[in-house]
Amino acid sequence: MPRPSKRRTVCQEPNHFLFGPLGMGDPDKQIQNLTVDEFECIRLMDIDKWSQEEVALQMNVARTTIQRMYEEARKKIAMMLVEGHYILVSGGNYQLCDHQGCPKCKHKNNHHQESHQEEEL
């Protein structure tokens, strides 16, 4: 029996949730689900240029978990670009950071911490 996964710490939920081809996009194309924690991993590594070790520390998981999440997220993004799939950002096993001691949120006031967990289907 696999060990239960740890909740990944995320600074904020994304502002946009659906991505895909415009115009001549095929509405029958598969929708890829990109979890909120995968989205956060991509944001921190590709936009903010953090290392896997820094992201792992920020999200409160092992570096190998970040590596796996990053590879999976990049594959989904590539399928969107190459095959014309859609991406829906939702779900995942994550919690919002409490903004205390968070290097990304130093300028923010303390906020109520929320937890989100994708239910097993």
PDB file of N, CA and C in Angstrom:
ATOM      1  N   MET A   1       0.850  -1.177   0.000  1.00  0.00           N
ATOM      2  CA  MET A   1       0.000   0.000   0.000  1.00  0.00           C
ATOM      3  C   MET A   1       0.894   1.238   0.000  1.00  0.00           C
ATOM      4  N   PRO A   2       0.692   2.148  -0.984  1.00  0.00           N
ATOM      5  CA  PRO A   2       1.543   3.339  -1.041  1.00  0.00           C
ATOM      6  C   PRO A   2       1.266   4.293   0.112  1.00  0.00           C
ATOM      7  N   ARG A   3       2.301   5.014   0.460  1.00  0.00           N
ATOM      8  CA  ARG A   3       2.200   6.019   1.512  1.00  0.00           C
ATOM      9  C   ARG A   3       1.315   7.169   1.035  1.00  0.00           C
ATOM     10  N   PRO A   4       0.471   7.730   1.918  1.00  0.00           N
ATOM     11  CA  PRO A   4      -0.358   8.863   1.490  1.00  0.00           C
ATOM     12  C   PRO A   4       0.514  10.064   1.118  1.00  0.00           C
ATOM     13  N   SER A   5       0.095  10.801   0.087  1.00  0.00           N
ATOM     14  CA  SER A   5       0.895  11.935  -0.351  1.00  0.00           C
ATOM     15  C   SER A   5       0.701  13.129   0.589  1.00  0.00           C
ATOM     16  N   LYS A   6       1.794  13.898   0.754  1.00  0.00           N
ATOM     17  CA  LYS A   6       1.741  15.103   1.583  1.00  0.00           C
ATOM     18  C   LYS A   6       1.066  16.215   0.808  1.00  0.00           C
ATOM     19  N   ARG A   7       0.400  17.084   1.527  1.00  0.00           N
ATOM     20  CA  ARG A   7      -0.174  18.267   0.889  1.00  0.00           C
ATOM     21  C   ARG A   7       0.955  19.207   0.503  1.00  0.00           C
ATOM     22  N   ARG A   8       0.880  19.715  -0.708  1.00  0.00           N
ATOM     23  CA  ARG A   8       1.883  20.648  -1.207  1.00  0.00           C
ATOM     24  C   ARG A   8       1.431  22.064  -0.878  1.00  0.00           C
ATOM     25  N   THR A   9       2.359  22.895  -0.430  1.00  0.00           N
ATOM     26  CA  THR A   9       2.038  24.276  -0.075  1.00  0.00           C
ATOM     27  C   THR A   9       2.084  25.141  -1.329  1.00  0.00           C
ATOM     28  N   VAL A  10       1.011  25.893  -1.549  1.00  0.00           N
ATOM     29  CA  VAL A  10       0.860  26.760  -2.716  1.00  0.00           C
ATOM     30  C   VAL A  10       0.572  28.172  -2.211  1.00  0.00           C
ATOM     31  N   CYS A  11       1.241  29.181  -2.798  1.00  0.00           N
ATOM     32  CA  CYS A  11       1.047  30.569  -2.352  1.00  0.00           C
ATOM     33  C   CYS A  11      -0.318  31.129  -2.733  1.00  0.00           C
ATOM     34  N   GLN A  12      -0.792  30.825  -3.922  1.00  0.00           N
ATOM     35  CA  GLN A  12      -2.093  31.327  -4.349  1.00  0.00           C
ATOM     36  C   GLN A  12      -2.624  30.442  -5.458  1.00  0.00           C
ATOM     37  N   GLU A  13      -3.928  30.414  -5.569  1.00  0.00           N
ATOM     38  CA  GLU A  13      -4.537  29.663  -6.657  1.00  0.00           C
ATOM     39  C   GLU A  13      -4.421  30.470  -7.940  1.00  0.00           C
ATOM     40  N   PRO A  14      -4.380  29.804  -9.085  1.00  0.00           N
ATOM     41  CA  PRO A  14      -4.230  30.528 -10.352  1.00  0.00           C
ATOM     42  C   PRO A  14      -5.431  31.421 -10.659  1.00  0.00           C
ATOM     43  N   ASN A  15      -5.179  32.477 -11.407  1.00  0.00           N
ATOM     44  CA  ASN A  15      -6.238  33.392 -11.829  1.00  0.00           C
ATOM     45  C   ASN A  15      -7.004  32.863 -13.041  1.00  0.00           C
ATOM     46  N   HIS A  16      -6.356  32.014 -13.835  1.00  0.00           N
ATOM     47  CA  HIS A  16      -6.957  31.459 -15.048  1.00  0.00           C
ATOM     48  C   HIS A  16      -6.927  29.941 -14.937  1.00  0.00           C
ATOM     49  N   PHE A  17      -7.996  29.287 -15.386  1.00  0.00           N
ATOM     50  CA  PHE A  17      -8.115  27.849 -15.171  1.00  0.00           C
ATOM     51  C   PHE A  17      -8.196  27.016 -16.445  1.00  0.00           C
ATOM     52  N   LEU A  18      -8.518  27.600 -17.573  1.00  0.00           N
ATOM     53  CA  LEU A  18      -8.662  26.838 -18.806  1.00  0.00           C
ATOM     54  C   LEU A  18      -7.753  27.416 -19.880  1.00  0.00           C
ATOM     55  N   PHE A  19      -6.965  26.550 -20.493  1.00  0.00           N
ATOM     56  CA  PHE A  19      -6.013  26.949 -21.520  1.00  0.00           C
ATOM     57  C   PHE A  19      -6.171  26.022 -22.712  1.00  0.00           C
ATOM     58  N   GLY A  20      -5.905  26.540 -23.905  1.00  0.00           N
ATOM     59  CA  GLY A  20      -5.972  25.693 -25.082  1.00  0.00           C
ATOM     60  C   GLY A  20      -5.927  26.498 -26.351  1.00  0.00           C
ATOM     61  N   PRO A  21      -6.110  25.802 -27.484  1.00  0.00           N
ATOM     62  CA  PRO A  21      -6.037  26.479 -28.781  1.00  0.00           C
ATOM     63  C   PRO A  21      -7.217  27.415 -29.001  1.00  0.00           C
ATOM     64  N   LEU A  22      -6.949  28.504 -29.685  1.00  0.00           N
ATOM     65  CA  LEU A  22      -7.992  29.469 -30.039  1.00  0.00           C
ATOM     66  C   LEU A  22      -8.445  29.233 -31.474  1.00  0.00           C
ATOM     67  N   GLY A  23      -9.571  29.764 -31.816  1.00  0.00           N
ATOM     68  CA  GLY A  23     -10.032  29.730 -33.204  1.00  0.00           C
ATOM     69  C   GLY A  23     -10.396  28.348 -33.686  1.00  0.00           C
ATOM     70  N   MET A  24      -9.509  27.708 -34.406  1.00  0.00           N
ATOM     71  CA  MET A  24      -9.796  26.433 -35.055  1.00  0.00           C
ATOM     72  C   MET A  24      -9.567  25.234 -34.132  1.00  0.00           C
ATOM     73  N   GLY A  25      -9.543  25.451 -32.827  1.00  0.00           N
ATOM     74  CA  GLY A  25      -9.359  24.348 -31.885  1.00  0.00           C
ATOM     75  C   GLY A  25     -10.471  23.316 -32.020  1.00  0.00           C
ATOM     76  N   ASP A  26     -10.146  22.074 -31.815  1.00  0.00           N
ATOM     77  CA  ASP A  26     -11.099  20.972 -31.906  1.00  0.00           C
ATOM     78  C   ASP A  26     -11.768  20.781 -30.548  1.00  0.00           C
ATOM     79  N   PRO A  27     -13.065  21.065 -30.435  1.00  0.00           N
ATOM     80  CA  PRO A  27     -13.734  20.945 -29.136  1.00  0.00           C
ATOM     81  C   PRO A  27     -13.779  19.510 -28.610  1.00  0.00           C
ATOM     82  N   ASP A  28     -13.497  18.538 -29.479  1.00  0.00           N
ATOM     83  CA  ASP A  28     -13.501  17.134 -29.050  1.00  0.00           C
ATOM     84  C   ASP A  28     -12.149  16.679 -28.518  1.00  0.00           C
ATOM     85  N   LYS A  29     -11.165  17.559 -28.549  1.00  0.00           N
ATOM     86  CA  LYS A  29      -9.841  17.186 -28.038  1.00  0.00           C
ATOM     87  C   LYS A  29      -9.911  16.908 -26.546  1.00  0.00           C
ATOM     88  N   GLN A  30      -9.023  16.057 -26.107  1.00  0.00           N
ATOM     89  CA  GLN A  30      -8.961  15.671 -24.693  1.00  0.00           C
ATOM     90  C   GLN A  30      -8.591  16.869 -23.820  1.00  0.00           C
ATOM     91  N   ILE A  31      -9.193  16.924 -22.636  1.00  0.00           N
ATOM     92  CA  ILE A  31      -8.849  17.948 -21.654  1.00  0.00           C
ATOM     93  C   ILE A  31      -7.873  17.336 -20.660  1.00  0.00           C
ATOM     94  N   GLN A  32      -6.684  17.921 -20.578  1.00  0.00           N
ATOM     95  CA  GLN A  32      -5.670  17.484 -19.616  1.00  0.00           C
ATOM     96  C   GLN A  32      -5.918  18.216 -18.301  1.00  0.00           C
ATOM     97  N   ASN A  33      -5.855  17.499 -17.191  1.00  0.00           N
ATOM     98  CA  ASN A  33      -5.999  18.145 -15.888  1.00  0.00           C
ATOM     99  C   ASN A  33      -4.614  18.458 -15.330  1.00  0.00           C
ATOM    100  N   LEU A  34      -4.325  19.731 -15.153  1.00  0.00           N
ATOM    101  CA  LEU A  34      -3.091  20.190 -14.517  1.00  0.00           C
ATOM    102  C   LEU A  34      -3.471  20.590 -13.104  1.00  0.00           C
ATOM    103  N   THR A  35      -2.930  19.893 -12.109  1.00  0.00           N
ATOM    104  CA  THR A  35      -3.315  20.194 -10.737  1.00  0.00           C
ATOM    105  C   THR A  35      -2.736  21.538 -10.308  1.00  0.00           C
ATOM    106  N   VAL A  36      -3.330  22.114  -9.285  1.00  0.00           N
ATOM    107  CA  VAL A  36      -2.880  23.421  -8.787  1.00  0.00           C
ATOM    108  C   VAL A  36      -1.443  23.336  -8.308  1.00  0.00           C
ATOM    109  N   ASP A  37      -1.051  22.221  -7.680  1.00  0.00           N
ATOM    110  CA  ASP A  37       0.328  22.082  -7.218  1.00  0.00           C
ATOM    111  C   ASP A  37       1.300  21.926  -8.393  1.00  0.00           C
ATOM    112  N   GLU A  38       0.892  21.275  -9.492  1.00  0.00           N
ATOM    113  CA  GLU A  38       1.739  21.214 -10.687  1.00  0.00           C
ATOM    114  C   GLU A  38       1.885  22.605 -11.289  1.00  0.00           C
ATOM    115  N   PHE A  39       0.789  23.360 -11.306  1.00  0.00           N
ATOM    116  CA  PHE A  39       0.815  24.738 -11.803  1.00  0.00           C
ATOM    117  C   PHE A  39       1.800  25.584 -10.991  1.00  0.00           C
ATOM    118  N   GLU A  40       1.760  25.443  -9.662  1.00  0.00           N
ATOM    119  CA  GLU A  40       2.666  26.192  -8.778  1.00  0.00           C
ATOM    120  C   GLU A  40       4.117  25.795  -9.043  1.00  0.00           C
ATOM    121  N   CYS A  41       4.359  24.525  -9.262  1.00  0.00           N
ATOM    122  CA  CYS A  41       5.711  24.029  -9.559  1.00  0.00           C
ATOM    123  C   CYS A  41       6.246  24.673 -10.842  1.00  0.00           C
ATOM    124  N   ILE A  42       5.436  24.695 -11.891  1.00  0.00           N
ATOM    125  CA  ILE A  42       5.829  25.325 -13.161  1.00  0.00           C
ATOM    126  C   ILE A  42       6.088  26.815 -12.958  1.00  0.00           C
ATOM    127  N   ARG A  43       5.210  27.472 -12.216  1.00  0.00           N
ATOM    128  CA  ARG A  43       5.356  28.920 -11.973  1.00  0.00           C
ATOM    129  C   ARG A  43       6.671  29.227 -11.259  1.00  0.00           C
ATOM    130  N   LEU A  44       6.952  28.476 -10.204  1.00  0.00           N
ATOM    131  CA  LEU A  44       8.159  28.753  -9.427  1.00  0.00           C
ATOM    132  C   LEU A  44       9.432  28.435 -10.208  1.00  0.00           C
ATOM    133  N   MET A  45       9.428  27.338 -10.968  1.00  0.00           N
ATOM    134  CA  MET A  45      10.643  26.947 -11.673  1.00  0.00           C
ATOM    135  C   MET A  45      10.847  27.720 -12.974  1.00  0.00           C
ATOM    136  N   ASP A  46       9.810  27.878 -13.767  1.00  0.00           N
ATOM    137  CA  ASP A  46       9.972  28.492 -15.090  1.00  0.00           C
ATOM    138  C   ASP A  46       9.818  30.010 -15.092  1.00  0.00           C
ATOM    139  N   ILE A  47       8.992  30.556 -14.235  1.00  0.00           N
ATOM    140  CA  ILE A  47       8.802  32.009 -14.199  1.00  0.00           C
ATOM    141  C   ILE A  47       9.755  32.657 -13.197  1.00  0.00           C
ATOM    142  N   ASP A  48       9.772  32.114 -11.966  1.00  0.00           N
ATOM    143  CA  ASP A  48      10.603  32.702 -10.918  1.00  0.00           C
ATOM    144  C   ASP A  48      12.032  32.168 -10.907  1.00  0.00           C
ATOM    145  N   LYS A  49      12.296  31.136 -11.712  1.00  0.00           N
ATOM    146  CA  LYS A  49      13.644  30.563 -11.869  1.00  0.00           C
ATOM    147  C   LYS A  49      14.199  29.956 -10.576  1.00  0.00           C
ATOM    148  N   TRP A  50      13.335  29.346  -9.781  1.00  0.00           N
ATOM    149  CA  TRP A  50      13.791  28.673  -8.572  1.00  0.00           C
ATOM    150  C   TRP A  50      14.337  27.298  -8.937  1.00  0.00           C
ATOM    151  N   SER A  51      15.261  26.787  -8.149  1.00  0.00           N
ATOM    152  CA  SER A  51      15.787  25.432  -8.340  1.00  0.00           C
ATOM    153  C   SER A  51      14.786  24.418  -7.788  1.00  0.00           C
ATOM    154  N   GLN A  52      14.962  23.146  -8.151  1.00  0.00           N
ATOM    155  CA  GLN A  52      14.093  22.094  -7.622  1.00  0.00           C
ATOM    156  C   GLN A  52      14.172  22.044  -6.097  1.00  0.00           C
ATOM    157  N   GLU A  53      15.345  22.252  -5.548  1.00  0.00           N
ATOM    158  CA  GLU A  53      15.522  22.226  -4.093  1.00  0.00           C
ATOM    159  C   GLU A  53      14.743  23.358  -3.422  1.00  0.00           C
ATOM    160  N   GLU A  54      14.798  24.555  -4.010  1.00  0.00           N
ATOM    161  CA  GLU A  54      14.066  25.697  -3.456  1.00  0.00           C
ATOM    162  C   GLU A  54      12.557  25.469  -3.528  1.00  0.00           C
ATOM    163  N   VAL A  55      12.099  24.929  -4.652  1.00  0.00           N
ATOM    164  CA  VAL A  55      10.669  24.663  -4.815  1.00  0.00           C
ATOM    165  C   VAL A  55      10.217  23.594  -3.828  1.00  0.00           C
ATOM    166  N   ALA A  56      11.032  22.561  -3.650  1.00  0.00           N
ATOM    167  CA  ALA A  56      10.694  21.486  -2.710  1.00  0.00           C
ATOM    168  C   ALA A  56      10.557  22.032  -1.295  1.00  0.00           C
ATOM    169  N   LEU A  57      11.456  22.902  -0.905  1.00  0.00           N
ATOM    170  CA  LEU A  57      11.395  23.514   0.421  1.00  0.00           C
ATOM    171  C   LEU A  57      10.142  24.379   0.559  1.00  0.00           C
ATOM    172  N   GLN A  58       9.862  25.183  -0.454  1.00  0.00           N
ATOM    173  CA  GLN A  58       8.693  26.059  -0.444  1.00  0.00           C
ATOM    174  C   GLN A  58       7.388  25.268  -0.382  1.00  0.00           C
ATOM    175  N   MET A  59       7.317  24.171  -1.147  1.00  0.00           N
ATOM    176  CA  MET A  59       6.072  23.405  -1.232  1.00  0.00           C
ATOM    177  C   MET A  59       5.986  22.300  -0.181  1.00  0.00           C
ATOM    178  N   ASN A  60       7.044  22.150   0.621  1.00  0.00           N
ATOM    179  CA  ASN A  60       7.048  21.201   1.732  1.00  0.00           C
ATOM    180  C   ASN A  60       6.977  19.743   1.288  1.00  0.00           C
ATOM    181  N   VAL A  61       7.728  19.403   0.229  1.00  0.00           N
ATOM    182  CA  VAL A  61       7.805  18.020  -0.255  1.00  0.00           C
ATOM    183  C   VAL A  61       9.250  17.712  -0.647  1.00  0.00           C
ATOM    184  N   ALA A  62       9.507  16.467  -1.001  1.00  0.00           N
ATOM    185  CA  ALA A  62      10.848  16.044  -1.405  1.00  0.00           C
ATOM    186  C   ALA A  62      11.189  16.588  -2.791  1.00  0.00           C
ATOM    187  N   ARG A  63      12.472  16.755  -3.050  1.00  0.00           N
ATOM    188  CA  ARG A  63      12.923  17.223  -4.356  1.00  0.00           C
ATOM    189  C   ARG A  63      12.502  16.259  -5.454  1.00  0.00           C
ATOM    190  N   THR A  64      12.517  14.960  -5.183  1.00  0.00           N
ATOM    191  CA  THR A  64      12.110  13.969  -6.190  1.00  0.00           C
ATOM    192  C   THR A  64      10.629  14.116  -6.542  1.00  0.00           C
ATOM    193  N   THR A  65       9.827  14.531  -5.583  1.00  0.00           N
ATOM    194  CA  THR A  65       8.409  14.784  -5.849  1.00  0.00           C
ATOM    195  C   THR A  65       8.267  15.974  -6.786  1.00  0.00           C
ATOM    196  N   ILE A  66       9.051  17.015  -6.555  1.00  0.00           N
ATOM    197  CA  ILE A  66       9.024  18.194  -7.426  1.00  0.00           C
ATOM    198  C   ILE A  66       9.458  17.819  -8.830  1.00  0.00           C
ATOM    199  N   GLN A  67      10.497  17.020  -8.937  1.00  0.00           N
ATOM    200  CA  GLN A  67      10.985  16.591 -10.247  1.00  0.00           C
ATOM    201  C   GLN A  67       9.888  15.842 -11.006  1.00  0.00           C
ATOM    202  N   ARG A  68       9.202  14.944 -10.330  1.00  0.00           N
ATOM    203  CA  ARG A  68       8.124  14.167 -10.944  1.00  0.00           C
ATOM    204  C   ARG A  68       6.953  15.076 -11.356  1.00  0.00           C
ATOM    205  N   MET A  69       6.562  16.000 -10.467  1.00  0.00           N
ATOM    206  CA  MET A  69       5.468  16.927 -10.766  1.00  0.00           C
ATOM    207  C   MET A  69       5.818  17.814 -11.965  1.00  0.00           C
ATOM    208  N   TYR A  70       7.053  18.305 -11.992  1.00  0.00           N
ATOM    209  CA  TYR A  70       7.510  19.190 -13.062  1.00  0.00           C
ATOM    210  C   TYR A  70       7.470  18.470 -14.414  1.00  0.00           C
ATOM    211  N   GLU A  71       7.976  17.239 -14.440  1.00  0.00           N
ATOM    212  CA  GLU A  71       7.982  16.470 -15.685  1.00  0.00           C
ATOM    213  C   GLU A  71       6.565  16.206 -16.176  1.00  0.00           C
ATOM    214  N   GLU A  72       5.660  15.876 -15.261  1.00  0.00           N
ATOM    215  CA  GLU A  72       4.270  15.609 -15.625  1.00  0.00           C
ATOM    216  C   GLU A  72       3.591  16.878 -16.137  1.00  0.00           C
ATOM    217  N   ALA A  73       3.826  17.996 -15.478  1.00  0.00           N
ATOM    218  CA  ALA A  73       3.233  19.265 -15.905  1.00  0.00           C
ATOM    219  C   ALA A  73       3.753  19.679 -17.278  1.00  0.00           C
ATOM    220  N   ARG A  74       5.047  19.548 -17.496  1.00  0.00           N
ATOM    221  CA  ARG A  74       5.635  19.918 -18.789  1.00  0.00           C
ATOM    222  C   ARG A  74       5.073  19.054 -19.913  1.00  0.00           C
ATOM    223  N   LYS A  75       4.840  17.771 -19.636  1.00  0.00           N
ATOM    224  CA  LYS A  75       4.266  16.873 -20.640  1.00  0.00           C
ATOM    225  C   LYS A  75       2.855  17.339 -21.019  1.00  0.00           C
ATOM    226  N   LYS A  76       2.062  17.729 -20.041  1.00  0.00           N
ATOM    227  CA  LYS A  76       0.703  18.196 -20.306  1.00  0.00           C
ATOM    228  C   LYS A  76       0.717  19.484 -21.125  1.00  0.00           C
ATOM    229  N   ILE A  77       1.632  20.374 -20.812  1.00  0.00           N
ATOM    230  CA  ILE A  77       1.744  21.633 -21.550  1.00  0.00           C
ATOM    231  C   ILE A  77       2.194  21.362 -22.985  1.00  0.00           C
ATOM    232  N   ALA A  78       3.112  20.428 -23.161  1.00  0.00           N
ATOM    233  CA  ALA A  78       3.568  20.059 -24.499  1.00  0.00           C
ATOM    234  C   ALA A  78       2.424  19.463 -25.321  1.00  0.00           C
ATOM    235  N   MET A  79       1.583  18.644 -24.709  1.00  0.00           N
ATOM    236  CA  MET A  79       0.440  18.067 -25.412  1.00  0.00           C
ATOM    237  C   MET A  79      -0.533  19.161 -25.846  1.00  0.00           C
ATOM    238  N   MET A  80      -0.672  20.204 -25.038  1.00  0.00           N
ATOM    239  CA  MET A  80      -1.521  21.322 -25.419  1.00  0.00           C
ATOM    240  C   MET A  80      -0.944  22.018 -26.652  1.00  0.00           C
ATOM    241  N   LEU A  81       0.358  22.292 -26.630  1.00  0.00           N
ATOM    242  CA  LEU A  81       0.989  23.021 -27.723  1.00  0.00           C
ATOM    243  C   LEU A  81       1.084  22.206 -29.007  1.00  0.00           C
ATOM    244  N   VAL A  82       1.427  20.934 -28.891  1.00  0.00           N
ATOM    245  CA  VAL A  82       1.684  20.100 -30.071  1.00  0.00           C
ATOM    246  C   VAL A  82       0.416  19.437 -30.598  1.00  0.00           C
ATOM    247  N   GLU A  83      -0.398  18.878 -29.702  1.00  0.00           N
ATOM    248  CA  GLU A  83      -1.575  18.114 -30.108  1.00  0.00           C
ATOM    249  C   GLU A  83      -2.873  18.913 -30.047  1.00  0.00           C
ATOM    250  N   GLY A  84      -2.838  20.118 -29.496  1.00  0.00           N
ATOM    251  CA  GLY A  84      -4.037  20.939 -29.414  1.00  0.00           C
ATOM    252  C   GLY A  84      -4.975  20.559 -28.290  1.00  0.00           C
ATOM    253  N   HIS A  85      -4.476  19.875 -27.265  1.00  0.00           N
ATOM    254  CA  HIS A  85      -5.307  19.523 -26.115  1.00  0.00           C
ATOM    255  C   HIS A  85      -5.595  20.772 -25.291  1.00  0.00           C
ATOM    256  N   TYR A  86      -6.621  20.681 -24.478  1.00  0.00           N
ATOM    257  CA  TYR A  86      -6.947  21.748 -23.544  1.00  0.00           C
ATOM    258  C   TYR A  86      -6.384  21.392 -22.179  1.00  0.00           C
ATOM    259  N   ILE A  87      -6.093  22.395 -21.375  1.00  0.00           N
ATOM    260  CA  ILE A  87      -5.632  22.176 -20.001  1.00  0.00           C
ATOM    261  C   ILE A  87      -6.616  22.855 -19.057  1.00  0.00           C
ATOM    262  N   LEU A  88      -7.078  22.097 -18.082  1.00  0.00           N
ATOM    263  CA  LEU A  88      -7.921  22.613 -17.021  1.00  0.00           C
ATOM    264  C   LEU A  88      -7.110  22.548 -15.732  1.00  0.00           C
ATOM    265  N   VAL A  89      -6.871  23.683 -15.090  1.00  0.00           N
ATOM    266  CA  VAL A  89      -6.123  23.725 -13.840  1.00  0.00           C
ATOM    267  C   VAL A  89      -7.125  23.571 -12.696  1.00  0.00           C
ATOM    268  N   SER A  90      -7.056  22.439 -12.013  1.00  0.00           N
ATOM    269  CA  SER A  90      -7.958  22.204 -10.887  1.00  0.00           C
ATOM    270  C   SER A  90      -7.486  21.005 -10.084  1.00  0.00           C
ATOM    271  N   GLY A  91      -7.918  20.969  -8.847  1.00  0.00           N
ATOM    272  CA  GLY A  91      -7.659  19.815  -7.994  1.00  0.00           C
ATOM    273  C   GLY A  91      -6.227  19.725  -7.514  1.00  0.00           C
ATOM    274  N   GLY A  92      -5.911  18.583  -6.992  1.00  0.00           N
ATOM    275  CA  GLY A  92      -4.593  18.330  -6.438  1.00  0.00           C
ATOM    276  C   GLY A  92      -4.657  18.226  -4.932  1.00  0.00           C
ATOM    277  N   ASN A  93      -3.568  17.845  -4.351  1.00  0.00           N
ATOM    278  CA  ASN A  93      -3.466  17.685  -2.905  1.00  0.00           C
ATOM    279  C   ASN A  93      -2.592  18.825  -2.394  1.00  0.00           C
ATOM    280  N   TYR A  94      -3.210  19.951  -2.061  1.00  0.00           N
ATOM    281  CA  TYR A  94      -2.448  21.146  -1.705  1.00  0.00           C
ATOM    282  C   TYR A  94      -3.130  21.920  -0.591  1.00  0.00           C
ATOM    283  N   GLN A  95      -2.359  22.817  -0.017  1.00  0.00           N
ATOM    284  CA  GLN A  95      -2.885  23.768   0.966  1.00  0.00           C
ATOM    285  C   GLN A  95      -2.305  25.130   0.642  1.00  0.00           C
ATOM    286  N   LEU A  96      -3.075  26.172   0.897  1.00  0.00           N
ATOM    287  CA  LEU A  96      -2.571  27.528   0.689  1.00  0.00           C
ATOM    288  C   LEU A  96      -1.649  27.890   1.842  1.00  0.00           C
ATOM    289  N   CYS A  97      -0.541  28.557   1.539  1.00  0.00           N
ATOM    290  CA  CYS A  97       0.401  28.940   2.595  1.00  0.00           C
ATOM    291  C   CYS A  97      -0.241  29.975   3.508  1.00  0.00           C
ATOM    292  N   ASP A  98       0.297  30.066   4.706  1.00  0.00           N
ATOM    293  CA  ASP A  98      -0.249  31.020   5.676  1.00  0.00           C
ATOM    294  C   ASP A  98       0.405  32.390   5.547  1.00  0.00           C
ATOM    295  N   HIS A  99       1.299  32.551   4.587  1.00  0.00           N
ATOM    296  CA  HIS A  99       1.987  33.805   4.270  1.00  0.00           C
ATOM    297  C   HIS A  99       2.952  34.259   5.371  1.00  0.00           C
ATOM    298  N   GLN A 100       3.169  33.469   6.403  1.00  0.00           N
ATOM    299  CA  GLN A 100       4.154  33.805   7.434  1.00  0.00           C
ATOM    300  C   GLN A 100       5.447  33.083   7.098  1.00  0.00           C
ATOM    301  N   GLY A 101       6.516  33.814   6.963  1.00  0.00           N
ATOM    302  CA  GLY A 101       7.807  33.215   6.664  1.00  0.00           C
ATOM    303  C   GLY A 101       7.925  32.722   5.234  1.00  0.00           C
ATOM    304  N   CYS A 102       6.978  33.054   4.407  1.00  0.00           N
ATOM    305  CA  CYS A 102       6.990  32.617   3.013  1.00  0.00           C
ATOM    306  C   CYS A 102       7.801  33.618   2.195  1.00  0.00           C
ATOM    307  N   PRO A 103       8.889  33.190   1.547  1.00  0.00           N
ATOM    308  CA  PRO A 103       9.696  34.141   0.784  1.00  0.00           C
ATOM    309  C   PRO A 103       8.918  34.774  -0.370  1.00  0.00           C
ATOM    310  N   LYS A 104       7.897  34.105  -0.854  1.00  0.00           N
ATOM    311  CA  LYS A 104       7.099  34.629  -1.957  1.00  0.00           C
ATOM    312  C   LYS A 104       6.059  35.628  -1.465  1.00  0.00           C
ATOM    313  N   CYS A 105       5.689  35.533  -0.182  1.00  0.00           N
ATOM    314  CA  CYS A 105       4.562  36.319   0.341  1.00  0.00           C
ATOM    315  C   CYS A 105       4.971  37.282   1.445  1.00  0.00           C
ATOM    316  N   LYS A 106       6.224  37.641   1.547  1.00  0.00           N
ATOM    317  CA  LYS A 106       6.692  38.498   2.635  1.00  0.00           C
ATOM    318  C   LYS A 106       5.911  39.802   2.738  1.00  0.00           C
ATOM    319  N   HIS A 107       5.492  40.328   1.601  1.00  0.00           N
ATOM    320  CA  HIS A 107       4.810  41.620   1.592  1.00  0.00           C
ATOM    321  C   HIS A 107       3.329  41.523   1.934  1.00  0.00           C
ATOM    322  N   LYS A 108       2.783  40.324   2.019  1.00  0.00           N
ATOM    323  CA  LYS A 108       1.350  40.161   2.258  1.00  0.00           C
ATOM    324  C   LYS A 108       1.053  40.092   3.749  1.00  0.00           C
ATOM    325  N   ASN A 109      -0.149  40.459   4.108  1.00  0.00           N
ATOM    326  CA  ASN A 109      -0.605  40.321   5.488  1.00  0.00           C
ATOM    327  C   ASN A 109      -0.895  38.860   5.780  1.00  0.00           C
ATOM    328  N   ASN A 110      -1.015  38.527   7.036  1.00  0.00           N
ATOM    329  CA  ASN A 110      -1.379  37.168   7.404  1.00  0.00           C
ATOM    330  C   ASN A 110      -2.797  36.882   6.935  1.00  0.00           C
ATOM    331  N   HIS A 111      -2.963  35.745   6.334  1.00  0.00           N
ATOM    332  CA  HIS A 111      -4.283  35.334   5.847  1.00  0.00           C
ATOM    333  C   HIS A 111      -4.640  34.001   6.466  1.00  0.00           C
ATOM    334  N   HIS A 112      -5.900  33.707   6.454  1.00  0.00           N
ATOM    335  CA  HIS A 112      -6.410  32.440   6.939  1.00  0.00           C
ATOM    336  C   HIS A 112      -5.895  31.306   6.043  1.00  0.00           C
ATOM    337  N   GLN A 113      -5.365  30.236   6.620  1.00  0.00           N
ATOM    338  CA  GLN A 113      -4.851  29.106   5.852  1.00  0.00           C
ATOM    339  C   GLN A 113      -5.994  28.179   5.481  1.00  0.00           C
ATOM    340  N   GLU A 114      -6.025  27.804   4.203  1.00  0.00           N
ATOM    341  CA  GLU A 114      -7.054  26.904   3.709  1.00  0.00           C
ATOM    342  C   GLU A 114      -6.400  25.632   3.204  1.00  0.00           C
ATOM    343  N   SER A 115      -7.130  24.536   3.248  1.00  0.00           N
ATOM    344  CA  SER A 115      -6.640  23.262   2.731  1.00  0.00           C
ATOM    345  C   SER A 115      -7.601  22.750   1.679  1.00  0.00           C
ATOM    346  N   HIS A 116      -7.039  22.118   0.668  1.00  0.00           N
ATOM    347  CA  HIS A 116      -7.827  21.542  -0.413  1.00  0.00           C
ATOM    348  C   HIS A 116      -7.263  20.164  -0.693  1.00  0.00           C
ATOM    349  N   GLN A 117      -8.122  19.189  -0.861  1.00  0.00           N
ATOM    350  CA  GLN A 117      -7.658  17.845  -1.207  1.00  0.00           C
ATOM    351  C   GLN A 117      -8.607  17.268  -2.230  1.00  0.00           C
ATOM    352  N   GLU A 118      -8.020  16.793  -3.334  1.00  0.00           N
ATOM    353  CA  GLU A 118      -8.820  16.186  -4.376  1.00  0.00           C
ATOM    354  C   GLU A 118      -9.384  14.869  -3.861  1.00  0.00           C
ATOM    355  N   GLU A 119     -10.661  14.670  -4.038  1.00  0.00           N
ATOM    356  CA  GLU A 119     -11.276  13.444  -3.561  1.00  0.00           C
ATOM    357  C   GLU A 119     -11.011  12.324  -4.561  1.00  0.00           C
ATOM    358  N   GLU A 120     -10.823  11.120  -4.029  1.00  0.00           N
ATOM    359  CA  GLU A 120     -10.642   9.937  -4.855  1.00  0.00           C
ATOM    360  C   GLU A 120     -11.959   9.615  -5.527  1.00  0.00           C
ATOM    361  N   LEU A 121     -11.898   9.310  -6.817  1.00  0.00           N
ATOM    362  CA  LEU A 121     -13.121   8.942  -7.527  1.00  0.00           C
ATOM    363  C   LEU A 121     -13.246   7.457  -7.645  1.00  0.00           C
TER     364      LEU A 121
END
